[in-house]
Amino acid sequence: MTNNNASRRRPSPANNNKPARPSNYEFVKYVGTGTEVVDDLAAGMAPSWRLLEIAKWHDAKHTGRNSRIAGRLLAMAGQQDAMWVAA
């Protein structure tokens, strides 16, 4: 004999119209620079080819923050290449 109760679905609650819980982003205003992910990057921490590839990815996003990050990455790759030429 099979148990028919095992396949029954739980009934929905009587009051399922609860308002959505707001995100924390609605309460906390962003005051960062937009480039926090690359602010601590120093020459020699990553190879130039990798910085260029990541910059290409960020540049493809076409938003303000991503283009600023791409600019910082390209500048760092240029600094590293200048260090190699000078050495």
PDB file of N, CA and C in Angstrom:
ATOM      1  N   MET A   1       0.834  -1.160   0.000  1.00  0.00           N
ATOM      2  CA  MET A   1       0.000   0.000   0.000  1.00  0.00           C
ATOM      3  C   MET A   1       0.892   1.240   0.000  1.00  0.00           C
ATOM      4  N   THR A   2       0.575   2.214  -0.830  1.00  0.00           N
ATOM      5  CA  THR A   2       1.401   3.420  -0.928  1.00  0.00           C
ATOM      6  C   THR A   2       0.863   4.512  -0.018  1.00  0.00           C
ATOM      7  N   ASN A   3       1.735   5.398   0.353  1.00  0.00           N
ATOM      8  CA  ASN A   3       1.377   6.507   1.217  1.00  0.00           C
ATOM      9  C   ASN A   3       1.040   7.716   0.347  1.00  0.00           C
ATOM     10  N   ASN A   4      -0.220   8.066   0.250  1.00  0.00           N
ATOM     11  CA  ASN A   4      -0.634   9.200  -0.570  1.00  0.00           C
ATOM     12  C   ASN A   4      -0.271  10.542   0.057  1.00  0.00           C
ATOM     13  N   ASN A   5      -0.029  10.582   1.350  1.00  0.00           N
ATOM     14  CA  ASN A   5       0.321  11.837   2.007  1.00  0.00           C
ATOM     15  C   ASN A   5       1.697  12.335   1.599  1.00  0.00           C
ATOM     16  N   ALA A   6       2.580  11.444   1.183  1.00  0.00           N
ATOM     17  CA  ALA A   6       3.942  11.832   0.835  1.00  0.00           C
ATOM     18  C   ALA A   6       3.972  12.699  -0.411  1.00  0.00           C
ATOM     19  N   SER A   7       3.013  12.553  -1.299  1.00  0.00           N
ATOM     20  CA  SER A   7       3.043  13.318  -2.531  1.00  0.00           C
ATOM     21  C   SER A   7       2.187  14.579  -2.475  1.00  0.00           C
ATOM     22  N   ARG A   8       1.502  14.809  -1.387  1.00  0.00           N
ATOM     23  CA  ARG A   8       0.669  16.000  -1.288  1.00  0.00           C
ATOM     24  C   ARG A   8       1.515  17.239  -1.046  1.00  0.00           C
ATOM     25  N   ARG A   9       1.104  18.327  -1.656  1.00  0.00           N
ATOM     26  CA  ARG A   9       1.805  19.597  -1.473  1.00  0.00           C
ATOM     27  C   ARG A   9       1.261  20.313  -0.250  1.00  0.00           C
ATOM     28  N   ARG A  10       2.113  21.043   0.373  1.00  0.00           N
ATOM     29  CA  ARG A  10       1.709  21.831   1.529  1.00  0.00           C
ATOM     30  C   ARG A  10       0.807  22.975   1.047  1.00  0.00           C
ATOM     31  N   PRO A  11      -0.301  23.209   1.728  1.00  0.00           N
ATOM     32  CA  PRO A  11      -1.189  24.302   1.287  1.00  0.00           C
ATOM     33  C   PRO A  11      -0.502  25.656   1.457  1.00  0.00           C
ATOM     34  N   SER A  12      -0.812  26.579   0.568  1.00  0.00           N
ATOM     35  CA  SER A  12      -0.198  27.902   0.663  1.00  0.00           C
ATOM     36  C   SER A  12      -0.808  28.645   1.856  1.00  0.00           C
ATOM     37  N   PRO A  13      -0.030  29.509   2.486  1.00  0.00           N
ATOM     38  CA  PRO A  13      -0.543  30.220   3.654  1.00  0.00           C
ATOM     39  C   PRO A  13      -1.654  31.185   3.245  1.00  0.00           C
ATOM     40  N   ALA A  14      -2.495  31.541   4.208  1.00  0.00           N
ATOM     41  CA  ALA A  14      -3.630  32.423   3.926  1.00  0.00           C
ATOM     42  C   ALA A  14      -3.157  33.823   3.551  1.00  0.00           C
ATOM     43  N   ASN A  15      -2.085  34.307   4.190  1.00  0.00           N
ATOM     44  CA  ASN A  15      -1.596  35.648   3.907  1.00  0.00           C
ATOM     45  C   ASN A  15      -0.211  35.546   3.264  1.00  0.00           C
ATOM     46  N   ASN A  16      -0.159  35.555   1.958  1.00  0.00           N
ATOM     47  CA  ASN A  16       1.137  35.493   1.276  1.00  0.00           C
ATOM     48  C   ASN A  16       1.421  36.803   0.557  1.00  0.00           C
ATOM     49  N   ASN A  17       0.825  37.885   1.006  1.00  0.00           N
ATOM     50  CA  ASN A  17       1.032  39.199   0.392  1.00  0.00           C
ATOM     51  C   ASN A  17       1.998  40.058   1.198  1.00  0.00           C
ATOM     52  N   LYS A  18       3.022  39.464   1.758  1.00  0.00           N
ATOM     53  CA  LYS A  18       3.999  40.219   2.533  1.00  0.00           C
ATOM     54  C   LYS A  18       4.798  41.120   1.588  1.00  0.00           C
ATOM     55  N   PRO A  19       5.083  42.342   2.009  1.00  0.00           N
ATOM     56  CA  PRO A  19       5.900  43.211   1.154  1.00  0.00           C
ATOM     57  C   PRO A  19       7.331  42.680   1.082  1.00  0.00           C
ATOM     58  N   ALA A  20       7.977  42.927  -0.039  1.00  0.00           N
ATOM     59  CA  ALA A  20       9.356  42.465  -0.219  1.00  0.00           C
ATOM     60  C   ALA A  20      10.258  43.196   0.767  1.00  0.00           C
ATOM     61  N   ARG A  21      11.203  42.489   1.310  1.00  0.00           N
ATOM     62  CA  ARG A  21      12.149  43.080   2.242  1.00  0.00           C
ATOM     63  C   ARG A  21      13.123  43.957   1.465  1.00  0.00           C
ATOM     64  N   PRO A  22      13.301  45.206   1.849  1.00  0.00           N
ATOM     65  CA  PRO A  22      14.179  46.092   1.075  1.00  0.00           C
ATOM     66  C   PRO A  22      15.639  45.687   1.194  1.00  0.00           C
ATOM     67  N   SER A  23      16.381  45.991   0.173  1.00  0.00           N
ATOM     68  CA  SER A  23      17.811  45.702   0.153  1.00  0.00           C
ATOM     69  C   SER A  23      18.547  46.737   0.996  1.00  0.00           C
ATOM     70  N   ASN A  24      19.702  46.375   1.507  1.00  0.00           N
ATOM     71  CA  ASN A  24      20.519  47.327   2.260  1.00  0.00           C
ATOM     72  C   ASN A  24      21.005  48.465   1.381  1.00  0.00           C
ATOM     73  N   TYR A  25      21.089  48.230   0.079  1.00  0.00           N
ATOM     74  CA  TYR A  25      21.567  49.264  -0.824  1.00  0.00           C
ATOM     75  C   TYR A  25      20.609  50.450  -0.886  1.00  0.00           C
ATOM     76  N   GLU A  26      19.368  50.239  -0.506  1.00  0.00           N
ATOM     77  CA  GLU A  26      18.410  51.338  -0.494  1.00  0.00           C
ATOM     78  C   GLU A  26      18.642  52.270   0.691  1.00  0.00           C
ATOM     79  N   PHE A  27      19.343  51.808   1.703  1.00  0.00           N
ATOM     80  CA  PHE A  27      19.542  52.598   2.905  1.00  0.00           C
ATOM     81  C   PHE A  27      20.936  53.211   2.980  1.00  0.00           C
ATOM     82  N   VAL A  28      21.924  52.551   2.410  1.00  0.00           N
ATOM     83  CA  VAL A  28      23.302  53.006   2.518  1.00  0.00           C
ATOM     84  C   VAL A  28      23.709  53.648   1.197  1.00  0.00           C
ATOM     85  N   LYS A  29      24.043  54.930   1.244  1.00  0.00           N
ATOM     86  CA  LYS A  29      24.470  55.631   0.041  1.00  0.00           C
ATOM     87  C   LYS A  29      25.922  55.273  -0.254  1.00  0.00           C
ATOM     88  N   TYR A  30      26.201  54.968  -1.506  1.00  0.00           N
ATOM     89  CA  TYR A  30      27.554  54.606  -1.913  1.00  0.00           C
ATOM     90  C   TYR A  30      28.403  55.869  -1.987  1.00  0.00           C
ATOM     91  N   VAL A  31      29.532  55.858  -1.298  1.00  0.00           N
ATOM     92  CA  VAL A  31      30.404  57.033  -1.274  1.00  0.00           C
ATOM     93  C   VAL A  31      31.822  56.676  -1.715  1.00  0.00           C
ATOM     94  N   GLY A  32      31.986  55.549  -2.373  1.00  0.00           N
ATOM     95  CA  GLY A  32      33.314  55.118  -2.793  1.00  0.00           C
ATOM     96  C   GLY A  32      33.787  55.790  -4.070  1.00  0.00           C
ATOM     97  N   THR A  33      34.983  55.440  -4.458  1.00  0.00           N
ATOM     98  CA  THR A  33      35.582  56.015  -5.665  1.00  0.00           C
ATOM     99  C   THR A  33      35.163  55.260  -6.920  1.00  0.00           C
ATOM    100  N   GLY A  34      34.690  54.044  -6.763  1.00  0.00           N
ATOM    101  CA  GLY A  34      34.339  53.224  -7.920  1.00  0.00           C
ATOM    102  C   GLY A  34      35.499  52.378  -8.393  1.00  0.00           C
ATOM    103  N   THR A  35      36.673  52.627  -7.854  1.00  0.00           N
ATOM    104  CA  THR A  35      37.855  51.867  -8.263  1.00  0.00           C
ATOM    105  C   THR A  35      38.505  51.153  -7.082  1.00  0.00           C
ATOM    106  N   GLU A  36      37.723  50.869  -6.045  1.00  0.00           N
ATOM    107  CA  GLU A  36      38.282  50.232  -4.848  1.00  0.00           C
ATOM    108  C   GLU A  36      38.964  48.911  -5.157  1.00  0.00           C
ATOM    109  N   VAL A  37      38.497  48.218  -6.187  1.00  0.00           N
ATOM    110  CA  VAL A  37      39.054  46.901  -6.500  1.00  0.00           C
ATOM    111  C   VAL A  37      40.472  46.993  -7.042  1.00  0.00           C
ATOM    112  N   VAL A  38      40.889  48.164  -7.513  1.00  0.00           N
ATOM    113  CA  VAL A  38      42.239  48.306  -8.064  1.00  0.00           C
ATOM    114  C   VAL A  38      43.046  49.387  -7.360  1.00  0.00           C
ATOM    115  N   ASP A  39      42.500  50.009  -6.329  1.00  0.00           N
ATOM    116  CA  ASP A  39      43.223  51.085  -5.657  1.00  0.00           C
ATOM    117  C   ASP A  39      44.520  50.610  -5.006  1.00  0.00           C
ATOM    118  N   ASP A  40      44.566  49.398  -4.509  1.00  0.00           N
ATOM    119  CA  ASP A  40      45.768  48.894  -3.846  1.00  0.00           C
ATOM    120  C   ASP A  40      46.712  48.163  -4.792  1.00  0.00           C
ATOM    121  N   LEU A  41      46.414  48.172  -6.066  1.00  0.00           N
ATOM    122  CA  LEU A  41      47.249  47.475  -7.043  1.00  0.00           C
ATOM    123  C   LEU A  41      48.557  48.226  -7.227  1.00  0.00           C
ATOM    124  N   ALA A  42      49.667  47.503  -7.156  1.00  0.00           N
ATOM    125  CA  ALA A  42      50.986  48.107  -7.332  1.00  0.00           C
ATOM    126  C   ALA A  42      51.703  47.406  -8.478  1.00  0.00           C
ATOM    127  N   ALA A  43      52.681  48.083  -9.019  1.00  0.00           N
ATOM    128  CA  ALA A  43      53.456  47.527 -10.133  1.00  0.00           C
ATOM    129  C   ALA A  43      54.104  46.213  -9.710  1.00  0.00           C
ATOM    130  N   GLY A  44      54.013  45.219 -10.567  1.00  0.00           N
ATOM    131  CA  GLY A  44      54.626  43.927 -10.311  1.00  0.00           C
ATOM    132  C   GLY A  44      53.714  42.922  -9.629  1.00  0.00           C
ATOM    133  N   MET A  45      52.508  43.316  -9.236  1.00  0.00           N
ATOM    134  CA  MET A  45      51.603  42.386  -8.557  1.00  0.00           C
ATOM    135  C   MET A  45      50.954  41.404  -9.531  1.00  0.00           C
ATOM    136  N   ALA A  46      50.799  41.797 -10.777  1.00  0.00           N
ATOM    137  CA  ALA A  46      50.190  40.935 -11.789  1.00  0.00           C
ATOM    138  C   ALA A  46      50.878  41.227 -13.122  1.00  0.00           C
ATOM    139  N   PRO A  47      50.989  40.226 -13.983  1.00  0.00           N
ATOM    140  CA  PRO A  47      51.621  40.464 -15.275  1.00  0.00           C
ATOM    141  C   PRO A  47      50.804  41.432 -16.136  1.00  0.00           C
ATOM    142  N   SER A  48      51.494  42.174 -16.984  1.00  0.00           N
ATOM    143  CA  SER A  48      50.829  43.176 -17.817  1.00  0.00           C
ATOM    144  C   SER A  48      49.784  42.560 -18.727  1.00  0.00           C
ATOM    145  N   TRP A  49      50.058  41.377 -19.266  1.00  0.00           N
ATOM    146  CA  TRP A  49      49.088  40.764 -20.176  1.00  0.00           C
ATOM    147  C   TRP A  49      47.771  40.480 -19.458  1.00  0.00           C
ATOM    148  N   ARG A  50      47.865  40.104 -18.180  1.00  0.00           N
ATOM    149  CA  ARG A  50      46.648  39.830 -17.421  1.00  0.00           C
ATOM    150  C   ARG A  50      45.888  41.125 -17.135  1.00  0.00           C
ATOM    151  N   LEU A  51      46.625  42.182 -16.781  1.00  0.00           N
ATOM    152  CA  LEU A  51      45.979  43.474 -16.542  1.00  0.00           C
ATOM    153  C   LEU A  51      45.257  43.954 -17.798  1.00  0.00           C
ATOM    154  N   LEU A  52      45.878  43.755 -18.961  1.00  0.00           N
ATOM    155  CA  LEU A  52      45.260  44.181 -20.218  1.00  0.00           C
ATOM    156  C   LEU A  52      43.997  43.382 -20.520  1.00  0.00           C
ATOM    157  N   GLU A  53      44.028  42.081 -20.251  1.00  0.00           N
ATOM    158  CA  GLU A  53      42.838  41.249 -20.496  1.00  0.00           C
ATOM    159  C   GLU A  53      41.690  41.643 -19.569  1.00  0.00           C
ATOM    160  N   ILE A  54      42.009  41.908 -18.315  1.00  0.00           N
ATOM    161  CA  ILE A  54      40.973  42.314 -17.368  1.00  0.00           C
ATOM    162  C   ILE A  54      40.443  43.695 -17.742  1.00  0.00           C
ATOM    163  N   ALA A  55      41.323  44.569 -18.193  1.00  0.00           N
ATOM    164  CA  ALA A  55      40.894  45.900 -18.630  1.00  0.00           C
ATOM    165  C   ALA A  55      39.955  45.792 -19.827  1.00  0.00           C
ATOM    166  N   LYS A  56      40.246  44.881 -20.749  1.00  0.00           N
ATOM    167  CA  LYS A  56      39.356  44.676 -21.901  1.00  0.00           C
ATOM    168  C   LYS A  56      37.969  44.240 -21.437  1.00  0.00           C
ATOM    169  N   TRP A  57      37.932  43.335 -20.458  1.00  0.00           N
ATOM    170  CA  TRP A  57      36.656  42.849 -19.942  1.00  0.00           C
ATOM    171  C   TRP A  57      35.867  44.001 -19.319  1.00  0.00           C
ATOM    172  N   HIS A  58      36.543  44.815 -18.489  1.00  0.00           N
ATOM    173  CA  HIS A  58      35.861  45.931 -17.840  1.00  0.00           C
ATOM    174  C   HIS A  58      35.431  46.978 -18.858  1.00  0.00           C
ATOM    175  N   ASP A  59      36.247  47.209 -19.867  1.00  0.00           N
ATOM    176  CA  ASP A  59      35.918  48.211 -20.874  1.00  0.00           C
ATOM    177  C   ASP A  59      34.709  47.791 -21.703  1.00  0.00           C
ATOM    178  N   ALA A  60      34.507  46.495 -21.869  1.00  0.00           N
ATOM    179  CA  ALA A  60      33.371  46.001 -22.645  1.00  0.00           C
ATOM    180  C   ALA A  60      32.051  46.242 -21.931  1.00  0.00           C
ATOM    181  N   LYS A  61      32.080  46.493 -20.631  1.00  0.00           N
ATOM    182  CA  LYS A  61      30.858  46.709 -19.864  1.00  0.00           C
ATOM    183  C   LYS A  61      30.266  48.100 -20.120  1.00  0.00           C
ATOM    184  N   HIS A  62      31.064  49.054 -20.552  1.00  0.00           N
ATOM    185  CA  HIS A  62      30.619  50.395 -20.944  1.00  0.00           C
ATOM    186  C   HIS A  62      29.838  51.135 -19.866  1.00  0.00           C
ATOM    187  N   THR A  63      30.224  51.004 -18.633  1.00  0.00           N
ATOM    188  CA  THR A  63      29.611  51.807 -17.591  1.00  0.00           C
ATOM    189  C   THR A  63      30.694  52.657 -16.960  1.00  0.00           C
ATOM    190  N   GLY A  64      30.303  53.653 -16.226  1.00  0.00           N
ATOM    191  CA  GLY A  64      31.267  54.570 -15.634  1.00  0.00           C
ATOM    192  C   GLY A  64      32.285  53.884 -14.755  1.00  0.00           C
ATOM    193  N   ARG A  65      31.819  53.045 -13.848  1.00  0.00           N
ATOM    194  CA  ARG A  65      32.731  52.386 -12.912  1.00  0.00           C
ATOM    195  C   ARG A  65      33.672  51.450 -13.641  1.00  0.00           C
ATOM    196  N   ASN A  66      33.150  50.654 -14.559  1.00  0.00           N
ATOM    197  CA  ASN A  66      33.998  49.703 -15.265  1.00  0.00           C
ATOM    198  C   ASN A  66      35.012  50.396 -16.164  1.00  0.00           C
ATOM    199  N   SER A  67      34.645  51.508 -16.752  1.00  0.00           N
ATOM    200  CA  SER A  67      35.614  52.208 -17.598  1.00  0.00           C
ATOM    201  C   SER A  67      36.718  52.843 -16.750  1.00  0.00           C
ATOM    202  N   ARG A  68      36.379  53.307 -15.540  1.00  0.00           N
ATOM    203  CA  ARG A  68      37.422  53.841 -14.655  1.00  0.00           C
ATOM    204  C   ARG A  68      38.372  52.740 -14.197  1.00  0.00           C
ATOM    205  N   ILE A  69      37.828  51.557 -13.903  1.00  0.00           N
ATOM    206  CA  ILE A  69      38.673  50.426 -13.510  1.00  0.00           C
ATOM    207  C   ILE A  69      39.584  50.043 -14.670  1.00  0.00           C
ATOM    208  N   ALA A  70      39.040  49.999 -15.882  1.00  0.00           N
ATOM    209  CA  ALA A  70      39.845  49.656 -17.058  1.00  0.00           C
ATOM    210  C   ALA A  70      40.965  50.674 -17.240  1.00  0.00           C
ATOM    211  N   GLY A  71      40.661  51.937 -17.034  1.00  0.00           N
ATOM    212  CA  GLY A  71      41.691  52.969 -17.154  1.00  0.00           C
ATOM    213  C   GLY A  71      42.811  52.784 -16.154  1.00  0.00           C
ATOM    214  N   ARG A  72      42.455  52.442 -14.925  1.00  0.00           N
ATOM    215  CA  ARG A  72      43.496  52.212 -13.906  1.00  0.00           C
ATOM    216  C   ARG A  72      44.355  51.001 -14.252  1.00  0.00           C
ATOM    217  N   LEU A  73      43.716  49.951 -14.760  1.00  0.00           N
ATOM    218  CA  LEU A  73      44.462  48.749 -15.144  1.00  0.00           C
ATOM    219  C   LEU A  73      45.392  49.030 -16.310  1.00  0.00           C
ATOM    220  N   LEU A  74      44.923  49.780 -17.293  1.00  0.00           N
ATOM    221  CA  LEU A  74      45.772  50.124 -18.437  1.00  0.00           C
ATOM    222  C   LEU A  74      46.948  50.993 -18.004  1.00  0.00           C
ATOM    223  N   ALA A  75      46.697  51.923 -17.086  1.00  0.00           N
ATOM    224  CA  ALA A  75      47.778  52.769 -16.583  1.00  0.00           C
ATOM    225  C   ALA A  75      48.818  51.934 -15.843  1.00  0.00           C
ATOM    226  N   MET A  76      48.363  50.970 -15.050  1.00  0.00           N
ATOM    227  CA  MET A  76      49.293  50.117 -14.315  1.00  0.00           C
ATOM    228  C   MET A  76      50.112  49.251 -15.276  1.00  0.00           C
ATOM    229  N   ALA A  77      49.470  48.722 -16.309  1.00  0.00           N
ATOM    230  CA  ALA A  77      50.205  47.928 -17.302  1.00  0.00           C
ATOM    231  C   ALA A  77      51.241  48.796 -18.001  1.00  0.00           C
ATOM    232  N   GLY A  78      50.897  50.056 -18.291  1.00  0.00           N
ATOM    233  CA  GLY A  78      51.860  50.971 -18.907  1.00  0.00           C
ATOM    234  C   GLY A  78      53.033  51.258 -17.990  1.00  0.00           C
ATOM    235  N   GLN A  79      52.778  51.428 -16.695  1.00  0.00           N
ATOM    236  CA  GLN A  79      53.854  51.649 -15.730  1.00  0.00           C
ATOM    237  C   GLN A  79      54.787  50.452 -15.691  1.00  0.00           C
ATOM    238  N   GLN A  80      54.201  49.249 -15.665  1.00  0.00           N
ATOM    239  CA  GLN A  80      55.027  48.050 -15.612  1.00  0.00           C
ATOM    240  C   GLN A  80      55.882  47.918 -16.868  1.00  0.00           C
ATOM    241  N   ASP A  81      55.297  48.192 -18.029  1.00  0.00           N
ATOM    242  CA  ASP A  81      56.052  48.097 -19.268  1.00  0.00           C
ATOM    243  C   ASP A  81      57.171  49.138 -19.314  1.00  0.00           C
ATOM    244  N   ALA A  82      56.910  50.332 -18.782  1.00  0.00           N
ATOM    245  CA  ALA A  82      57.941  51.362 -18.722  1.00  0.00           C
ATOM    246  C   ALA A  82      59.065  50.936 -17.794  1.00  0.00           C
ATOM    247  N   MET A  83      58.729  50.245 -16.697  1.00  0.00           N
ATOM    248  CA  MET A  83      59.766  49.756 -15.785  1.00  0.00           C
ATOM    249  C   MET A  83      60.647  48.733 -16.478  1.00  0.00           C
ATOM    250  N   TRP A  84      60.040  47.844 -17.290  1.00  0.00           N
ATOM    251  CA  TRP A  84      60.807  46.827 -17.973  1.00  0.00           C
ATOM    252  C   TRP A  84      61.729  47.442 -19.036  1.00  0.00           C
ATOM    253  N   VAL A  85      61.259  48.482 -19.718  1.00  0.00           N
ATOM    254  CA  VAL A  85      62.072  49.132 -20.753  1.00  0.00           C
ATOM    255  C   VAL A  85      63.232  49.860 -20.120  1.00  0.00           C
ATOM    256  N   ALA A  86      62.986  50.501 -18.969  1.00  0.00           N
ATOM    257  CA  ALA A  86      64.033  51.263 -18.293  1.00  0.00           C
ATOM    258  C   ALA A  86      65.090  50.353 -17.670  1.00  0.00           C
ATOM    259  N   ALA A  87      64.720  49.129 -17.361  1.00  0.00           N
ATOM    260  CA  ALA A  87      65.668  48.237 -16.676  1.00  0.00           C
ATOM    261  C   ALA A  87      66.667  47.620 -17.602  1.00  0.00           C
TER     262      ALA A  87
END
